[in-house]
Amino acid sequence: LLTQGRKILILRTSVGGTGFLDKRWGMTDDLYLRMMEMIRTALALNEENRLVAFLWHQGETDAIFGADFDTHYSHLMGLLKSVRDSFQVPQLPFIAGDFVQHWKKDNWDISVPVVDAIQAVCRNCGSGAFVQTGELCSNTQQDRIPPLPWEDTIHFSRDALYILGRRYFDAFIGLLNNK
């Protein structure tokens, strides 16, 4: 999709094990402020640089902290609105995804309100898409004996991450085609 000579810069602003309720992603919190500064810096590098999508894959920490639907929805929608308003991109594509199903099933009661809120933001924000993770494996579903020390049920396996990345890109293409 890039014209000859152009490149894409992905700003990796996420930090694992963080959320809104632990005071990391709110409008005055460190990760939000760092993300906004990273975007400003990237845009300042070249006058042709532009913000083309906002990818989000967080929420487990807020589930663990007991976030309800309304709280998570208002935090996430507020964050997205702030980015869109600050950088004057009112229809900036927003793409978010579901949790690892292995972890979600083990933590159903706390996961559902947060995932439902993420889906609702995707539906209601204009130019949003929600990526399903149905059959994608967690780290512990790799059939390695013995399991590696970093394996857990809350993160996707390496193979699943490649598929998930493709699904995010397909969702992005879908949003572009619907404009």
N, C-alpha and C. Protein backbone atom coordinates (compact mmCIF):
# COMPACT_ATOMS: atom_id res chain seq x y z
N LEU A 1 0.80 -1.20 0.00
CA LEU A 1 0.00 0.00 0.00
C LEU A 1 0.85 1.27 0.00
N LEU A 2 2.13 1.13 0.25
CA LEU A 2 3.00 2.29 0.30
C LEU A 2 3.50 2.65 -1.09
N THR A 3 3.58 3.93 -1.35
CA THR A 3 4.15 4.36 -2.62
C THR A 3 5.66 4.10 -2.60
N GLN A 4 6.25 4.03 -3.78
CA GLN A 4 7.68 3.77 -3.92
C GLN A 4 8.50 4.72 -3.03
N GLY A 5 9.41 4.17 -2.27
CA GLY A 5 10.28 4.98 -1.43
C GLY A 5 9.74 5.30 -0.05
N ARG A 6 8.47 5.01 0.21
CA ARG A 6 7.89 5.28 1.53
C ARG A 6 8.07 4.05 2.42
N LYS A 7 8.11 4.28 3.70
CA LYS A 7 8.24 3.20 4.68
C LYS A 7 7.19 3.42 5.75
N ILE A 8 6.95 2.37 6.52
CA ILE A 8 6.00 2.47 7.61
C ILE A 8 6.77 2.42 8.94
N LEU A 9 6.35 3.23 9.87
CA LEU A 9 6.92 3.23 11.21
C LEU A 9 5.82 2.82 12.18
N ILE A 10 6.06 1.75 12.89
CA ILE A 10 5.11 1.29 13.90
C ILE A 10 5.64 1.74 15.25
N LEU A 11 4.87 2.55 15.94
CA LEU A 11 5.26 3.01 17.27
C LEU A 11 4.78 1.99 18.29
N ARG A 12 5.70 1.32 18.91
CA ARG A 12 5.36 0.33 19.93
C ARG A 12 5.28 1.03 21.27
N THR A 13 4.09 1.45 21.63
CA THR A 13 3.92 2.21 22.85
C THR A 13 3.36 1.36 24.00
N SER A 14 2.96 0.16 23.69
CA SER A 14 2.34 -0.68 24.73
C SER A 14 3.39 -1.19 25.72
N VAL A 15 2.93 -1.47 26.90
CA VAL A 15 3.75 -2.08 27.94
C VAL A 15 2.86 -3.14 28.58
N GLY A 16 3.35 -4.38 28.60
CA GLY A 16 2.56 -5.47 29.15
C GLY A 16 2.19 -5.26 30.60
N GLY A 17 1.06 -5.80 30.98
CA GLY A 17 0.62 -5.74 32.37
C GLY A 17 0.22 -4.35 32.83
N THR A 18 -0.31 -3.55 31.91
CA THR A 18 -0.73 -2.18 32.26
C THR A 18 -2.16 -1.95 31.79
N GLY A 19 -2.79 -0.96 32.39
CA GLY A 19 -4.16 -0.63 32.01
C GLY A 19 -4.53 0.77 32.47
N PHE A 20 -5.80 1.04 32.43
CA PHE A 20 -6.33 2.32 32.90
C PHE A 20 -6.42 2.33 34.43
N LEU A 21 -6.89 1.22 35.00
CA LEU A 21 -7.16 1.20 36.43
C LEU A 21 -5.91 1.19 37.31
N ASP A 22 -4.78 0.83 36.73
CA ASP A 22 -3.53 0.91 37.50
C ASP A 22 -2.79 2.21 37.22
N LYS A 23 -3.51 3.16 36.65
CA LYS A 23 -3.00 4.53 36.44
C LYS A 23 -1.82 4.58 35.48
N ARG A 24 -1.96 3.87 34.34
CA ARG A 24 -0.89 3.90 33.35
C ARG A 24 -1.34 4.51 32.01
N TRP A 25 -2.65 4.39 31.66
CA TRP A 25 -3.11 4.84 30.34
C TRP A 25 -4.10 6.00 30.39
N GLY A 26 -4.41 6.54 31.56
CA GLY A 26 -5.28 7.70 31.65
C GLY A 26 -4.61 8.94 31.07
N MET A 27 -5.38 9.99 30.85
CA MET A 27 -4.89 11.19 30.15
C MET A 27 -3.73 11.90 30.85
N THR A 28 -3.50 11.63 32.11
CA THR A 28 -2.36 12.25 32.80
C THR A 28 -1.33 11.21 33.21
N ASP A 29 -1.48 9.98 32.75
CA ASP A 29 -0.60 8.89 33.17
C ASP A 29 0.60 8.73 32.24
N ASP A 30 1.63 8.09 32.74
CA ASP A 30 2.91 8.02 32.05
C ASP A 30 2.86 7.39 30.66
N LEU A 31 2.16 6.28 30.49
CA LEU A 31 2.17 5.62 29.19
C LEU A 31 1.38 6.41 28.14
N TYR A 32 0.29 7.02 28.56
CA TYR A 32 -0.46 7.88 27.64
C TYR A 32 0.42 9.06 27.20
N LEU A 33 1.05 9.72 28.16
CA LEU A 33 1.89 10.88 27.83
C LEU A 33 3.08 10.47 26.94
N ARG A 34 3.67 9.32 27.23
CA ARG A 34 4.78 8.82 26.40
C ARG A 34 4.30 8.52 24.99
N MET A 35 3.12 7.88 24.86
CA MET A 35 2.58 7.58 23.53
C MET A 35 2.36 8.86 22.74
N MET A 36 1.76 9.85 23.37
CA MET A 36 1.48 11.11 22.67
C MET A 36 2.78 11.78 22.22
N GLU A 37 3.80 11.74 23.06
CA GLU A 37 5.10 12.32 22.68
C GLU A 37 5.75 11.54 21.53
N MET A 38 5.63 10.22 21.55
CA MET A 38 6.17 9.41 20.46
C MET A 38 5.49 9.74 19.13
N ILE A 39 4.18 9.93 19.17
CA ILE A 39 3.45 10.30 17.95
C ILE A 39 3.91 11.67 17.46
N ARG A 40 3.98 12.64 18.36
CA ARG A 40 4.44 13.99 17.98
C ARG A 40 5.84 13.94 17.36
N THR A 41 6.73 13.18 17.96
CA THR A 41 8.10 13.07 17.46
C THR A 41 8.12 12.44 16.07
N ALA A 42 7.37 11.36 15.88
CA ALA A 42 7.33 10.69 14.57
C ALA A 42 6.78 11.62 13.50
N LEU A 43 5.75 12.38 13.83
CA LEU A 43 5.17 13.30 12.84
C LEU A 43 6.12 14.44 12.51
N ALA A 44 6.93 14.84 13.48
CA ALA A 44 7.86 15.96 13.27
C ALA A 44 9.09 15.56 12.45
N LEU A 45 9.35 14.29 12.30
CA LEU A 45 10.53 13.83 11.57
C LEU A 45 10.49 14.18 10.08
N ASN A 46 9.28 14.25 9.54
CA ASN A 46 9.14 14.51 8.11
C ASN A 46 7.74 15.09 7.89
N GLU A 47 7.65 16.14 7.13
CA GLU A 47 6.33 16.78 6.94
C GLU A 47 5.35 15.89 6.21
N GLU A 48 5.84 14.83 5.56
CA GLU A 48 4.93 13.89 4.88
C GLU A 48 4.46 12.77 5.79
N ASN A 49 5.05 12.64 6.96
CA ASN A 49 4.61 11.59 7.89
C ASN A 49 3.19 11.86 8.35
N ARG A 50 2.44 10.78 8.54
CA ARG A 50 1.07 10.91 9.00
C ARG A 50 0.68 9.71 9.85
N LEU A 51 -0.29 9.93 10.69
CA LEU A 51 -0.83 8.89 11.54
C LEU A 51 -1.92 8.18 10.75
N VAL A 52 -1.78 6.86 10.54
CA VAL A 52 -2.72 6.16 9.66
C VAL A 52 -3.61 5.14 10.37
N ALA A 53 -3.24 4.72 11.59
CA ALA A 53 -4.08 3.74 12.30
C ALA A 53 -3.68 3.73 13.77
N PHE A 54 -4.63 3.34 14.59
CA PHE A 54 -4.41 3.18 16.03
C PHE A 54 -4.76 1.72 16.34
N LEU A 55 -3.74 0.95 16.69
CA LEU A 55 -3.94 -0.46 17.02
C LEU A 55 -3.89 -0.62 18.53
N TRP A 56 -4.84 -1.36 19.08
CA TRP A 56 -4.95 -1.52 20.54
C TRP A 56 -5.11 -2.99 20.86
N HIS A 57 -4.29 -3.48 21.76
CA HIS A 57 -4.46 -4.86 22.23
C HIS A 57 -4.07 -4.91 23.71
N GLN A 58 -4.91 -4.32 24.53
CA GLN A 58 -4.72 -4.25 25.97
C GLN A 58 -6.07 -4.56 26.62
N GLY A 59 -6.06 -4.73 27.92
CA GLY A 59 -7.32 -4.89 28.64
C GLY A 59 -7.30 -5.94 29.73
N GLU A 60 -6.37 -6.88 29.65
CA GLU A 60 -6.36 -7.95 30.65
C GLU A 60 -6.11 -7.39 32.06
N THR A 61 -5.21 -6.41 32.16
CA THR A 61 -4.93 -5.83 33.48
C THR A 61 -6.18 -5.18 34.06
N ASP A 62 -6.91 -4.45 33.22
CA ASP A 62 -8.15 -3.85 33.71
C ASP A 62 -9.17 -4.92 34.11
N ALA A 63 -9.20 -6.02 33.40
CA ALA A 63 -10.08 -7.13 33.80
C ALA A 63 -9.67 -7.65 35.17
N ILE A 64 -8.38 -7.83 35.38
CA ILE A 64 -7.88 -8.32 36.67
C ILE A 64 -8.22 -7.33 37.79
N PHE A 65 -8.17 -6.04 37.48
CA PHE A 65 -8.49 -5.01 38.46
C PHE A 65 -10.00 -4.82 38.64
N GLY A 66 -10.81 -5.57 37.88
CA GLY A 66 -12.26 -5.54 38.08
C GLY A 66 -13.01 -4.48 37.32
N ALA A 67 -12.49 -4.05 36.18
CA ALA A 67 -13.18 -3.02 35.39
C ALA A 67 -14.56 -3.51 34.95
N ASP A 68 -15.53 -2.62 35.05
CA ASP A 68 -16.85 -2.92 34.50
C ASP A 68 -16.93 -2.34 33.08
N PHE A 69 -18.00 -2.69 32.38
CA PHE A 69 -18.17 -2.26 30.99
C PHE A 69 -18.08 -0.75 30.85
N ASP A 70 -18.87 -0.02 31.62
CA ASP A 70 -18.94 1.44 31.47
C ASP A 70 -17.61 2.11 31.73
N THR A 71 -16.90 1.66 32.74
CA THR A 71 -15.61 2.26 33.08
C THR A 71 -14.61 2.03 31.95
N HIS A 72 -14.51 0.78 31.50
CA HIS A 72 -13.53 0.49 30.44
C HIS A 72 -13.90 1.20 29.14
N TYR A 73 -15.18 1.20 28.81
CA TYR A 73 -15.64 1.87 27.60
C TYR A 73 -15.27 3.35 27.63
N SER A 74 -15.55 4.02 28.74
CA SER A 74 -15.29 5.47 28.79
C SER A 74 -13.80 5.76 28.74
N HIS A 75 -12.99 4.95 29.40
CA HIS A 75 -11.54 5.16 29.34
C HIS A 75 -11.00 4.97 27.92
N LEU A 76 -11.39 3.86 27.29
CA LEU A 76 -10.86 3.57 25.95
C LEU A 76 -11.38 4.55 24.91
N MET A 77 -12.66 4.87 24.96
CA MET A 77 -13.21 5.83 24.01
C MET A 77 -12.57 7.20 24.22
N GLY A 78 -12.34 7.58 25.46
CA GLY A 78 -11.69 8.85 25.75
C GLY A 78 -10.27 8.90 25.23
N LEU A 79 -9.53 7.80 25.37
CA LEU A 79 -8.17 7.74 24.84
C LEU A 79 -8.17 7.89 23.33
N LEU A 80 -9.03 7.16 22.66
CA LEU A 80 -9.10 7.24 21.20
C LEU A 80 -9.51 8.64 20.74
N LYS A 81 -10.51 9.21 21.38
CA LYS A 81 -10.96 10.56 21.03
C LYS A 81 -9.83 11.57 21.22
N SER A 82 -9.07 11.42 22.28
CA SER A 82 -7.96 12.31 22.54
C SER A 82 -6.91 12.25 21.44
N VAL A 83 -6.57 11.05 21.01
CA VAL A 83 -5.58 10.90 19.92
C VAL A 83 -6.12 11.49 18.63
N ARG A 84 -7.35 11.15 18.30
CA ARG A 84 -7.94 11.69 17.07
C ARG A 84 -8.02 13.21 17.09
N ASP A 85 -8.45 13.78 18.21
CA ASP A 85 -8.57 15.24 18.32
C ASP A 85 -7.20 15.92 18.33
N SER A 86 -6.26 15.38 19.09
CA SER A 86 -4.94 16.00 19.21
C SER A 86 -4.20 16.07 17.88
N PHE A 87 -4.39 15.05 17.05
CA PHE A 87 -3.66 14.99 15.79
C PHE A 87 -4.55 15.25 14.58
N GLN A 88 -5.75 15.72 14.85
CA GLN A 88 -6.70 16.14 13.82
C GLN A 88 -6.93 15.06 12.76
N VAL A 89 -7.22 13.85 13.26
CA VAL A 89 -7.53 12.71 12.40
C VAL A 89 -8.84 12.10 12.91
N PRO A 90 -9.98 12.76 12.63
CA PRO A 90 -11.25 12.33 13.23
C PRO A 90 -11.70 10.92 12.84
N GLN A 91 -11.26 10.43 11.71
CA GLN A 91 -11.65 9.08 11.29
C GLN A 91 -10.46 8.12 11.31
N LEU A 92 -9.49 8.39 12.17
CA LEU A 92 -8.33 7.51 12.30
C LEU A 92 -8.82 6.09 12.55
N PRO A 93 -8.45 5.13 11.69
CA PRO A 93 -8.87 3.75 11.92
C PRO A 93 -8.41 3.24 13.28
N PHE A 94 -9.33 2.62 14.00
CA PHE A 94 -9.06 2.04 15.31
C PHE A 94 -9.32 0.54 15.21
N ILE A 95 -8.29 -0.24 15.53
CA ILE A 95 -8.41 -1.69 15.44
C ILE A 95 -7.96 -2.29 16.77
N ALA A 96 -8.82 -3.11 17.35
CA ALA A 96 -8.52 -3.77 18.62
C ALA A 96 -8.88 -5.25 18.50
N GLY A 97 -8.33 -6.06 19.39
CA GLY A 97 -8.58 -7.49 19.31
C GLY A 97 -8.98 -8.11 20.63
N ASP A 98 -9.51 -9.31 20.51
CA ASP A 98 -9.95 -10.09 21.66
C ASP A 98 -8.75 -10.64 22.42
N PHE A 99 -9.00 -11.09 23.61
CA PHE A 99 -7.97 -11.71 24.45
C PHE A 99 -7.63 -13.10 23.91
N VAL A 100 -6.55 -13.67 24.44
CA VAL A 100 -6.23 -15.07 24.20
C VAL A 100 -7.39 -15.89 24.79
N GLN A 101 -7.98 -16.75 23.99
CA GLN A 101 -9.15 -17.50 24.45
C GLN A 101 -8.85 -18.41 25.63
N HIS A 102 -7.67 -18.98 25.65
CA HIS A 102 -7.27 -19.86 26.76
C HIS A 102 -7.39 -19.10 28.09
N TRP A 103 -6.84 -17.90 28.15
CA TRP A 103 -6.90 -17.09 29.37
C TRP A 103 -8.31 -16.58 29.61
N LYS A 104 -8.96 -16.14 28.55
CA LYS A 104 -10.30 -15.59 28.67
C LYS A 104 -11.28 -16.62 29.25
N LYS A 105 -11.20 -17.85 28.78
CA LYS A 105 -12.11 -18.89 29.28
C LYS A 105 -11.86 -19.18 30.76
N ASP A 106 -10.59 -19.12 31.18
CA ASP A 106 -10.26 -19.34 32.58
C ASP A 106 -10.65 -18.15 33.46
N ASN A 107 -10.90 -17.00 32.85
CA ASN A 107 -11.20 -15.76 33.57
C ASN A 107 -12.44 -15.09 32.98
N TRP A 108 -13.42 -15.90 32.66
CA TRP A 108 -14.59 -15.45 31.91
C TRP A 108 -15.31 -14.26 32.55
N ASP A 109 -15.61 -14.38 33.83
CA ASP A 109 -16.41 -13.34 34.50
C ASP A 109 -15.75 -11.97 34.49
N ILE A 110 -14.43 -11.92 34.61
CA ILE A 110 -13.75 -10.63 34.61
C ILE A 110 -13.41 -10.16 33.20
N SER A 111 -13.32 -11.09 32.25
CA SER A 111 -12.96 -10.73 30.88
C SER A 111 -14.11 -10.15 30.08
N VAL A 112 -15.28 -10.71 30.24
CA VAL A 112 -16.43 -10.34 29.40
C VAL A 112 -16.74 -8.83 29.43
N PRO A 113 -16.81 -8.18 30.60
CA PRO A 113 -17.13 -6.74 30.57
C PRO A 113 -16.10 -5.91 29.79
N VAL A 114 -14.83 -6.26 29.92
CA VAL A 114 -13.77 -5.51 29.25
C VAL A 114 -13.80 -5.76 27.74
N VAL A 115 -13.90 -7.02 27.35
CA VAL A 115 -13.94 -7.34 25.92
C VAL A 115 -15.20 -6.75 25.28
N ASP A 116 -16.32 -6.83 25.97
CA ASP A 116 -17.55 -6.23 25.45
C ASP A 116 -17.38 -4.72 25.26
N ALA A 117 -16.69 -4.07 26.18
CA ALA A 117 -16.45 -2.62 26.07
C ALA A 117 -15.54 -2.32 24.88
N ILE A 118 -14.51 -3.12 24.69
CA ILE A 118 -13.61 -2.92 23.55
C ILE A 118 -14.38 -3.08 22.24
N GLN A 119 -15.21 -4.12 22.15
CA GLN A 119 -16.03 -4.33 20.95
C GLN A 119 -16.96 -3.14 20.72
N ALA A 120 -17.56 -2.62 21.77
CA ALA A 120 -18.48 -1.50 21.64
C ALA A 120 -17.76 -0.24 21.16
N VAL A 121 -16.55 0.00 21.66
CA VAL A 121 -15.77 1.13 21.16
C VAL A 121 -15.52 0.96 19.67
N CYS A 122 -15.14 -0.24 19.26
CA CYS A 122 -14.90 -0.50 17.82
C CYS A 122 -16.16 -0.23 17.00
N ARG A 123 -17.32 -0.62 17.49
CA ARG A 123 -18.58 -0.41 16.79
C ARG A 123 -18.99 1.05 16.74
N ASN A 124 -18.76 1.77 17.83
CA ASN A 124 -19.33 3.11 17.99
C ASN A 124 -18.40 4.27 17.64
N CYS A 125 -17.13 4.00 17.43
CA CYS A 125 -16.18 5.10 17.26
C CYS A 125 -16.14 5.66 15.85
N GLY A 126 -16.72 4.95 14.89
CA GLY A 126 -16.58 5.35 13.49
C GLY A 126 -15.20 4.91 13.03
N SER A 127 -15.14 4.13 12.01
CA SER A 127 -13.86 3.61 11.49
C SER A 127 -13.15 2.75 12.52
N GLY A 128 -13.88 1.76 13.04
CA GLY A 128 -13.30 0.84 14.00
C GLY A 128 -13.54 -0.60 13.60
N ALA A 129 -12.65 -1.48 14.03
CA ALA A 129 -12.79 -2.92 13.73
C ALA A 129 -12.29 -3.72 14.92
N PHE A 130 -12.97 -4.83 15.18
CA PHE A 130 -12.60 -5.74 16.26
C PHE A 130 -12.12 -7.05 15.64
N VAL A 131 -10.95 -7.51 16.07
CA VAL A 131 -10.33 -8.72 15.52
C VAL A 131 -10.60 -9.90 16.46
N GLN A 132 -11.14 -10.96 15.90
CA GLN A 132 -11.41 -12.18 16.66
C GLN A 132 -10.13 -13.00 16.82
N THR A 133 -10.05 -13.75 17.92
CA THR A 133 -8.86 -14.55 18.19
C THR A 133 -9.17 -16.03 18.39
N GLY A 134 -10.43 -16.39 18.12
CA GLY A 134 -10.95 -17.74 18.32
C GLY A 134 -9.99 -18.88 18.55
N GLU A 135 -9.38 -19.37 17.52
CA GLU A 135 -8.57 -20.59 17.62
C GLU A 135 -7.08 -20.32 17.85
N LEU A 136 -6.70 -19.09 18.09
CA LEU A 136 -5.28 -18.77 18.26
C LEU A 136 -4.78 -19.24 19.62
N CYS A 137 -3.65 -19.90 19.62
CA CYS A 137 -3.12 -20.54 20.82
C CYS A 137 -2.39 -19.57 21.74
N SER A 138 -2.41 -19.91 23.02
CA SER A 138 -1.59 -19.22 24.01
C SER A 138 -0.19 -19.83 24.00
N ASN A 139 0.71 -19.21 24.75
CA ASN A 139 2.06 -19.74 24.88
C ASN A 139 2.09 -21.17 25.40
N THR A 140 1.18 -21.51 26.30
CA THR A 140 1.22 -22.85 26.91
C THR A 140 0.59 -23.91 26.03
N GLN A 141 0.04 -23.54 24.92
CA GLN A 141 -0.60 -24.51 24.03
C GLN A 141 0.32 -24.90 22.87
N GLN A 142 1.61 -24.80 23.07
CA GLN A 142 2.59 -25.09 22.02
C GLN A 142 3.02 -26.55 21.99
N ASP A 143 2.57 -27.36 22.94
CA ASP A 143 2.95 -28.77 23.02
C ASP A 143 4.44 -28.98 23.17
N ARG A 144 5.11 -28.11 23.92
CA ARG A 144 6.53 -28.29 24.21
C ARG A 144 6.66 -28.95 25.57
N ILE A 145 7.51 -29.94 25.64
CA ILE A 145 7.75 -30.61 26.92
C ILE A 145 9.26 -30.55 27.18
N PRO A 146 9.69 -29.96 28.26
CA PRO A 146 8.89 -29.18 29.21
C PRO A 146 8.57 -27.81 28.64
N PRO A 147 7.57 -27.14 29.20
CA PRO A 147 7.25 -25.79 28.73
C PRO A 147 8.43 -24.85 29.01
N LEU A 148 8.56 -23.84 28.19
CA LEU A 148 9.61 -22.85 28.40
C LEU A 148 9.22 -21.93 29.55
N PRO A 149 10.19 -21.34 30.25
CA PRO A 149 9.89 -20.55 31.45
C PRO A 149 8.97 -19.36 31.22
N TRP A 150 8.94 -18.79 30.04
CA TRP A 150 8.13 -17.60 29.79
C TRP A 150 6.73 -17.93 29.27
N GLU A 151 6.40 -19.19 29.15
CA GLU A 151 5.09 -19.56 28.63
C GLU A 151 4.01 -19.29 29.66
N ASP A 152 2.87 -18.79 29.17
CA ASP A 152 1.73 -18.49 30.03
C ASP A 152 0.46 -18.54 29.19
N THR A 153 -0.68 -18.38 29.85
CA THR A 153 -1.95 -18.45 29.12
C THR A 153 -2.46 -17.09 28.68
N ILE A 154 -1.84 -16.00 29.11
CA ILE A 154 -2.36 -14.66 28.83
C ILE A 154 -1.79 -14.08 27.54
N HIS A 155 -0.69 -14.67 27.04
CA HIS A 155 -0.07 -14.16 25.81
C HIS A 155 -0.22 -15.17 24.68
N PHE A 156 -0.28 -14.64 23.47
CA PHE A 156 -0.38 -15.49 22.28
C PHE A 156 0.96 -16.17 22.01
N SER A 157 0.88 -17.35 21.39
CA SER A 157 2.10 -18.03 20.95
C SER A 157 2.70 -17.26 19.78
N ARG A 158 3.93 -17.57 19.48
CA ARG A 158 4.61 -16.91 18.35
C ARG A 158 3.84 -17.10 17.05
N ASP A 159 3.44 -18.32 16.77
CA ASP A 159 2.69 -18.59 15.53
C ASP A 159 1.38 -17.82 15.51
N ALA A 160 0.71 -17.75 16.65
CA ALA A 160 -0.55 -17.02 16.73
C ALA A 160 -0.35 -15.53 16.47
N LEU A 161 0.78 -14.99 16.91
CA LEU A 161 1.04 -13.57 16.69
C LEU A 161 1.14 -13.22 15.21
N TYR A 162 1.70 -14.10 14.41
CA TYR A 162 1.78 -13.85 12.96
C TYR A 162 0.37 -13.81 12.36
N ILE A 163 -0.47 -14.74 12.78
CA ILE A 163 -1.85 -14.76 12.29
C ILE A 163 -2.60 -13.52 12.77
N LEU A 164 -2.41 -13.17 14.03
CA LEU A 164 -3.07 -11.99 14.59
C LEU A 164 -2.64 -10.73 13.84
N GLY A 165 -1.37 -10.60 13.53
CA GLY A 165 -0.89 -9.46 12.76
C GLY A 165 -1.56 -9.37 11.41
N ARG A 166 -1.72 -10.50 10.76
CA ARG A 166 -2.40 -10.53 9.46
C ARG A 166 -3.87 -10.11 9.60
N ARG A 167 -4.50 -10.55 10.67
CA ARG A 167 -5.91 -10.18 10.90
C ARG A 167 -6.05 -8.68 11.15
N TYR A 168 -5.10 -8.11 11.87
CA TYR A 168 -5.13 -6.65 12.08
C TYR A 168 -4.97 -5.93 10.75
N PHE A 169 -4.05 -6.41 9.91
CA PHE A 169 -3.86 -5.78 8.60
C PHE A 169 -5.11 -5.93 7.73
N ASP A 170 -5.71 -7.11 7.73
CA ASP A 170 -6.94 -7.32 6.97
C ASP A 170 -8.06 -6.39 7.46
N ALA A 171 -8.14 -6.20 8.78
CA ALA A 171 -9.15 -5.28 9.34
C ALA A 171 -8.86 -3.85 8.87
N PHE A 172 -7.59 -3.47 8.83
CA PHE A 172 -7.20 -2.15 8.35
C PHE A 172 -7.62 -1.97 6.89
N ILE A 173 -7.35 -2.94 6.06
CA ILE A 173 -7.74 -2.89 4.64
C ILE A 173 -9.26 -2.77 4.53
N GLY A 174 -9.97 -3.52 5.34
CA GLY A 174 -11.43 -3.46 5.33
C GLY A 174 -11.93 -2.06 5.67
N LEU A 175 -11.30 -1.43 6.65
CA LEU A 175 -11.71 -0.06 7.01
C LEU A 175 -11.39 0.93 5.89
N LEU A 176 -10.25 0.75 5.24
CA LEU A 176 -9.90 1.63 4.10
C LEU A 176 -10.90 1.48 2.96
N ASN A 177 -11.31 0.25 2.71
CA ASN A 177 -12.24 -0.02 1.60
C ASN A 177 -13.65 0.48 1.89
N ASN A 178 -13.97 0.72 3.17
CA ASN A 178 -15.30 1.20 3.53
C ASN A 178 -15.40 2.71 3.61
N LYS A 179 -14.30 3.41 3.34
CA LYS A 179 -14.33 4.88 3.41
C LYS A 179 -15.03 5.48 2.22
